Amino acid sequence: MTRDGLPLIGPRPGRPGVRPATGHNMLAPATGRLVTCPGLRP
């Protein structure tokens, strides 16, 4: 878990198509929806 309790989600520089999503704890369902959202894909 991150210090502030918020997840780390986003693209990885230099790695197209790689989106780490970690530290989500109880927010896993929302995290899953976020990383699969077509609007967030490169």
PDB file of N, CA and C in Angstrom:
ATOM      1  N   MET A   1       0.842  -1.174   0.000  1.00  0.00           N
ATOM      2  CA  MET A   1       0.000   0.000   0.000  1.00  0.00           C
ATOM      3  C   MET A   1       0.891   1.242   0.000  1.00  0.00           C
ATOM      4  N   THR A   2       0.435   2.276  -0.673  1.00  0.00           N
ATOM      5  CA  THR A   2       1.173   3.530  -0.712  1.00  0.00           C
ATOM      6  C   THR A   2       0.976   4.289   0.594  1.00  0.00           C
ATOM      7  N   ARG A   3       1.866   5.233   0.856  1.00  0.00           N
ATOM      8  CA  ARG A   3       1.783   5.983   2.124  1.00  0.00           C
ATOM      9  C   ARG A   3       0.468   6.735   2.293  1.00  0.00           C
ATOM     10  N   ASP A   4      -0.041   7.303   1.188  1.00  0.00           N
ATOM     11  CA  ASP A   4      -1.282   8.075   1.292  1.00  0.00           C
ATOM     12  C   ASP A   4      -2.531   7.231   1.079  1.00  0.00           C
ATOM     13  N   GLY A   5      -2.339   5.940   0.801  1.00  0.00           N
ATOM     14  CA  GLY A   5      -3.477   5.047   0.624  1.00  0.00           C
ATOM     15  C   GLY A   5      -4.094   5.095  -0.759  1.00  0.00           C
ATOM     16  N   LEU A   6      -3.529   5.886  -1.652  1.00  0.00           N
ATOM     17  CA  LEU A   6      -4.053   5.994  -3.009  1.00  0.00           C
ATOM     18  C   LEU A   6      -3.279   5.075  -3.943  1.00  0.00           C
ATOM     19  N   PRO A   7      -3.943   4.527  -4.963  1.00  0.00           N
ATOM     20  CA  PRO A   7      -3.262   3.623  -5.879  1.00  0.00           C
ATOM     21  C   PRO A   7      -2.336   4.358  -6.841  1.00  0.00           C
ATOM     22  N   LEU A   8      -1.391   3.614  -7.379  1.00  0.00           N
ATOM     23  CA  LEU A   8      -0.513   4.117  -8.437  1.00  0.00           C
ATOM     24  C   LEU A   8      -1.000   3.485  -9.732  1.00  0.00           C
ATOM     25  N   ILE A   9      -1.518   4.306 -10.624  1.00  0.00           N
ATOM     26  CA  ILE A   9      -2.086   3.818 -11.880  1.00  0.00           C
ATOM     27  C   ILE A   9      -1.620   4.734 -12.989  1.00  0.00           C
ATOM     28  N   GLY A  10      -1.167   4.165 -14.087  1.00  0.00           N
ATOM     29  CA  GLY A  10      -0.817   5.006 -15.218  1.00  0.00           C
ATOM     30  C   GLY A  10       0.163   4.353 -16.163  1.00  0.00           C
ATOM     31  N   PRO A  11       0.422   5.028 -17.266  1.00  0.00           N
ATOM     32  CA  PRO A  11       1.335   4.464 -18.261  1.00  0.00           C
ATOM     33  C   PRO A  11       2.772   4.462 -17.759  1.00  0.00           C
ATOM     34  N   ARG A  12       3.540   3.574 -18.316  1.00  0.00           N
ATOM     35  CA  ARG A  12       4.965   3.493 -17.975  1.00  0.00           C
ATOM     36  C   ARG A  12       5.753   4.110 -19.123  1.00  0.00           C
ATOM     37  N   PRO A  13       6.510   5.183 -18.866  1.00  0.00           N
ATOM     38  CA  PRO A  13       7.282   5.832 -19.926  1.00  0.00           C
ATOM     39  C   PRO A  13       8.212   4.846 -20.640  1.00  0.00           C
ATOM     40  N   GLY A  14       8.192   4.898 -21.946  1.00  0.00           N
ATOM     41  CA  GLY A  14       9.047   4.041 -22.749  1.00  0.00           C
ATOM     42  C   GLY A  14       8.533   2.628 -22.934  1.00  0.00           C
ATOM     43  N   ARG A  15       7.378   2.315 -22.380  1.00  0.00           N
ATOM     44  CA  ARG A  15       6.802   0.972 -22.486  1.00  0.00           C
ATOM     45  C   ARG A  15       5.343   1.074 -22.935  1.00  0.00           C
ATOM     46  N   PRO A  16       5.110   1.272 -24.219  1.00  0.00           N
ATOM     47  CA  PRO A  16       3.726   1.403 -24.703  1.00  0.00           C
ATOM     48  C   PRO A  16       2.878   0.180 -24.332  1.00  0.00           C
ATOM     49  N   GLY A  17       1.694   0.441 -23.878  1.00  0.00           N
ATOM     50  CA  GLY A  17       0.774  -0.627 -23.532  1.00  0.00           C
ATOM     51  C   GLY A  17       0.941  -1.174 -22.123  1.00  0.00           C
ATOM     52  N   VAL A  18       1.954  -0.740 -21.395  1.00  0.00           N
ATOM     53  CA  VAL A  18       2.155  -1.201 -20.019  1.00  0.00           C
ATOM     54  C   VAL A  18       1.570  -0.165 -19.071  1.00  0.00           C
ATOM     55  N   ARG A  19       0.624  -0.602 -18.252  1.00  0.00           N
ATOM     56  CA  ARG A  19      -0.019   0.281 -17.282  1.00  0.00           C
ATOM     57  C   ARG A  19       0.001  -0.352 -15.910  1.00  0.00           C
ATOM     58  N   PRO A  20       1.003  -0.032 -15.103  1.00  0.00           N
ATOM     59  CA  PRO A  20       1.007  -0.571 -13.746  1.00  0.00           C
ATOM     60  C   PRO A  20      -0.214  -0.075 -12.955  1.00  0.00           C
ATOM     61  N   ALA A  21      -0.752  -0.942 -12.162  1.00  0.00           N
ATOM     62  CA  ALA A  21      -1.868  -0.590 -11.274  1.00  0.00           C
ATOM     63  C   ALA A  21      -1.612  -1.320  -9.962  1.00  0.00           C
ATOM     64  N   THR A  22      -1.110  -0.601  -8.989  1.00  0.00           N
ATOM     65  CA  THR A  22      -0.729  -1.224  -7.735  1.00  0.00           C
ATOM     66  C   THR A  22      -1.119  -0.350  -6.547  1.00  0.00           C
ATOM     67  N   GLY A  23      -1.180  -0.954  -5.393  1.00  0.00           N
ATOM     68  CA  GLY A  23      -1.508  -0.222  -4.176  1.00  0.00           C
ATOM     69  C   GLY A  23      -2.975   0.122  -4.055  1.00  0.00           C
ATOM     70  N   HIS A  24      -3.824  -0.602  -4.778  1.00  0.00           N
ATOM     71  CA  HIS A  24      -5.246  -0.246  -4.784  1.00  0.00           C
ATOM     72  C   HIS A  24      -6.028  -0.781  -3.599  1.00  0.00           C
ATOM     73  N   ASN A  25      -5.491  -1.742  -2.878  1.00  0.00           N
ATOM     74  CA  ASN A  25      -6.120  -2.271  -1.674  1.00  0.00           C
ATOM     75  C   ASN A  25      -7.610  -2.559  -1.888  1.00  0.00           C
ATOM     76  N   MET A  26      -8.500  -1.837  -1.285  1.00  0.00           N
ATOM     77  CA  MET A  26      -9.940  -2.104  -1.383  1.00  0.00           C
ATOM     78  C   MET A  26     -10.573  -1.512  -2.644  1.00  0.00           C
ATOM     79  N   LEU A  27      -9.797  -0.824  -3.449  1.00  0.00           N
ATOM     80  CA  LEU A  27     -10.332  -0.193  -4.653  1.00  0.00           C
ATOM     81  C   LEU A  27     -10.127  -1.052  -5.903  1.00  0.00           C
ATOM     82  N   ALA A  28      -9.827  -2.334  -5.733  1.00  0.00           N
ATOM     83  CA  ALA A  28      -9.510  -3.206  -6.856  1.00  0.00           C
ATOM     84  C   ALA A  28     -10.569  -3.184  -7.977  1.00  0.00           C
ATOM     85  N   PRO A  29     -11.866  -3.271  -7.681  1.00  0.00           N
ATOM     86  CA  PRO A  29     -12.842  -3.241  -8.765  1.00  0.00           C
ATOM     87  C   PRO A  29     -12.785  -1.941  -9.588  1.00  0.00           C
ATOM     88  N   ALA A  30     -12.645  -0.826  -8.904  1.00  0.00           N
ATOM     89  CA  ALA A  30     -12.554   0.463  -9.615  1.00  0.00           C
ATOM     90  C   ALA A  30     -11.264   0.545 -10.407  1.00  0.00           C
ATOM     91  N   THR A  31     -10.169   0.027  -9.855  1.00  0.00           N
ATOM     92  CA  THR A  31      -8.891   0.028 -10.556  1.00  0.00           C
ATOM     93  C   THR A  31      -8.998  -0.783 -11.837  1.00  0.00           C
ATOM     94  N   GLY A  32      -9.630  -1.934 -11.765  1.00  0.00           N
ATOM     95  CA  GLY A  32      -9.816  -2.778 -12.946  1.00  0.00           C
ATOM     96  C   GLY A  32     -10.581  -2.060 -14.040  1.00  0.00           C
ATOM     97  N   ARG A  33     -11.625  -1.356 -13.668  1.00  0.00           N
ATOM     98  CA  ARG A  33     -12.406  -0.609 -14.672  1.00  0.00           C
ATOM     99  C   ARG A  33     -11.570   0.522 -15.275  1.00  0.00           C
ATOM    100  N   LEU A  34     -10.785   1.177 -14.436  1.00  0.00           N
ATOM    101  CA  LEU A  34      -9.966   2.293 -14.908  1.00  0.00           C
ATOM    102  C   LEU A  34      -8.925   1.855 -15.932  1.00  0.00           C
ATOM    103  N   VAL A  35      -8.182   0.793 -15.646  1.00  0.00           N
ATOM    104  CA  VAL A  35      -7.097   0.387 -16.548  1.00  0.00           C
ATOM    105  C   VAL A  35      -7.613  -0.270 -17.817  1.00  0.00           C
ATOM    106  N   THR A  36      -8.871  -0.673 -17.851  1.00  0.00           N
ATOM    107  CA  THR A  36      -9.412  -1.252 -19.080  1.00  0.00           C
ATOM    108  C   THR A  36     -10.234  -0.245 -19.882  1.00  0.00           C
ATOM    109  N   CYS A  37     -10.341   0.968 -19.399  1.00  0.00           N
ATOM    110  CA  CYS A  37     -11.115   2.010 -20.077  1.00  0.00           C
ATOM    111  C   CYS A  37     -10.448   2.370 -21.413  1.00  0.00           C
ATOM    112  N   PRO A  38     -11.163   2.249 -22.526  1.00  0.00           N
ATOM    113  CA  PRO A  38     -10.567   2.582 -23.826  1.00  0.00           C
ATOM    114  C   PRO A  38     -10.042   4.005 -23.916  1.00  0.00           C
ATOM    115  N   GLY A  39     -10.625   4.930 -23.187  1.00  0.00           N
ATOM    116  CA  GLY A  39     -10.178   6.314 -23.234  1.00  0.00           C
ATOM    117  C   GLY A  39      -8.804   6.533 -22.612  1.00  0.00           C
ATOM    118  N   LEU A  40      -8.327   5.574 -21.850  1.00  0.00           N
ATOM    119  CA  LEU A  40      -7.020   5.699 -21.204  1.00  0.00           C
ATOM    120  C   LEU A  40      -5.908   4.968 -21.935  1.00  0.00           C
ATOM    121  N   ARG A  41      -6.270   4.252 -22.989  1.00  0.00           N
ATOM    122  CA  ARG A  41      -5.252   3.510 -23.743  1.00  0.00           C
ATOM    123  C   ARG A  41      -4.528   4.450 -24.685  1.00  0.00           C
ATOM    124  N   PRO A  42      -3.234   4.147 -24.927  1.00  0.00           N
ATOM    125  CA  PRO A  42      -2.463   5.025 -25.845  1.00  0.00           C
ATOM    126  C   PRO A  42      -2.945   4.928 -27.266  1.00  0.00           C
TER     127      PRO A  42
END
